[in-house]
Amino acid sequence: MRPDFRLVAHCSCQGVREMGKLRLFWVTIIVLPVLLGGCSGFQTKADFEEADALFSQGNYAASLDKYGEIRAKDPATGDRVLFEMGIIHAHPRNERKDYQKALDCFQELLRDYPGSGYRQDSEMMIFYITSVAVKDRAIAAGQQQVETLRQEVAGRDNEIATLQKKIKELEQRLFVVATQKGSIDRILIEKKERRLMLIARGEVIRTYRIALGGDPVGPKERQGDNKTPEGTYVIDSRNKDSRYHLSLHISYPNERDKKRARELGVSPGGNIMIHGLKNGFSRVGDAHAEVDWTKGCIAVTDEEIEEIARVVPNGTVVEIRP
């Protein structure tokens, strides 16, 4: 059998600090089986070659079975067989690797074959496997801790999801109660935060994500500047047949806006609305608010503008902050 050098990389190398000793160890593993194999007769040598070939193909179970047959036929090779089987049981690529079985093989060799040429190598393998087993147990314990933490986090995620659901239900109840007892008395729009809030009796009862004009920073000054106004206005009309599903018209420009435009010698523009999505694009939904896409209006989803329109009468104050 050709021992896999990665077995050493997989094992702890503490206690072997000189590379010369390590090379001597593997030379011993490679050379001794060949030298001793010649003493077992031609058939036994062929059997060892077959077992080694099965090992090289990754057929570890068949290789172990073959070594068992060799030992039954030629007990004189028992120490070599035990050593080879120990290597297979501990091999890192063996999906059924069993460190305890490997240790049993090496310990049996030491007990039953005190004069074996594999004795020193077996002692070193016992040291390596014991070190690897300790590390594997530490890794397994760490993995278990990680899995436990993951389960705890998953449990907390479920708790958070449940709480969020309850919050939404409470918000919906508050919204229904607020709009049943009286209409919304103010709309507050915060441009920087990209949000529209419905205010009833001084309390925020609903918040919506919004999209603004394509050049949102600063107040609207002139027609075509793609800016959303800043100031205080009212809802002065609505359009149920809007090209943007449904729209509530804002009373821009106010007197301050008109004065500024006169001083600049420009038209202040107009036609500023709170509206839904362009007809035919309702499927975009919440994603529309990822970018400012209007010409100065305030956009929400189609479902949201319908909800807003139901509770916001004409004459409602609209405050738009920077």
Foldseek 3Di string as FASTA:
>chain_A
DQFDPVLLVLFDPPPPDDVVVVVVLNCLVPPVCVVVLVVQDDVLVVLLVVLVVCVVVVVLVVSLVSLVVSCVVGVVCLLVSLQVNLSSLSPPSNPNRDNVSSLVSLVVSVVVPVPDSCNVSSVVVNVRSVRSVVVVVVVVVVVVVVVVVVVVVVVVVVVVVVVVVVVVVVLVVLVVVQLVVAFFQAWEAEQVVQKIFTHGPRDTSDIFHKAFFQPAPDAQAAPQPRYAHAFKWWQADWDCPDQQNIKTATPPPDPVSCVSNVVVVHHSHGRAIEGAHGPPPLVCAPVVSVHRHDSHYIYHHNVVVVVNVVRGDTGRMYGYHD
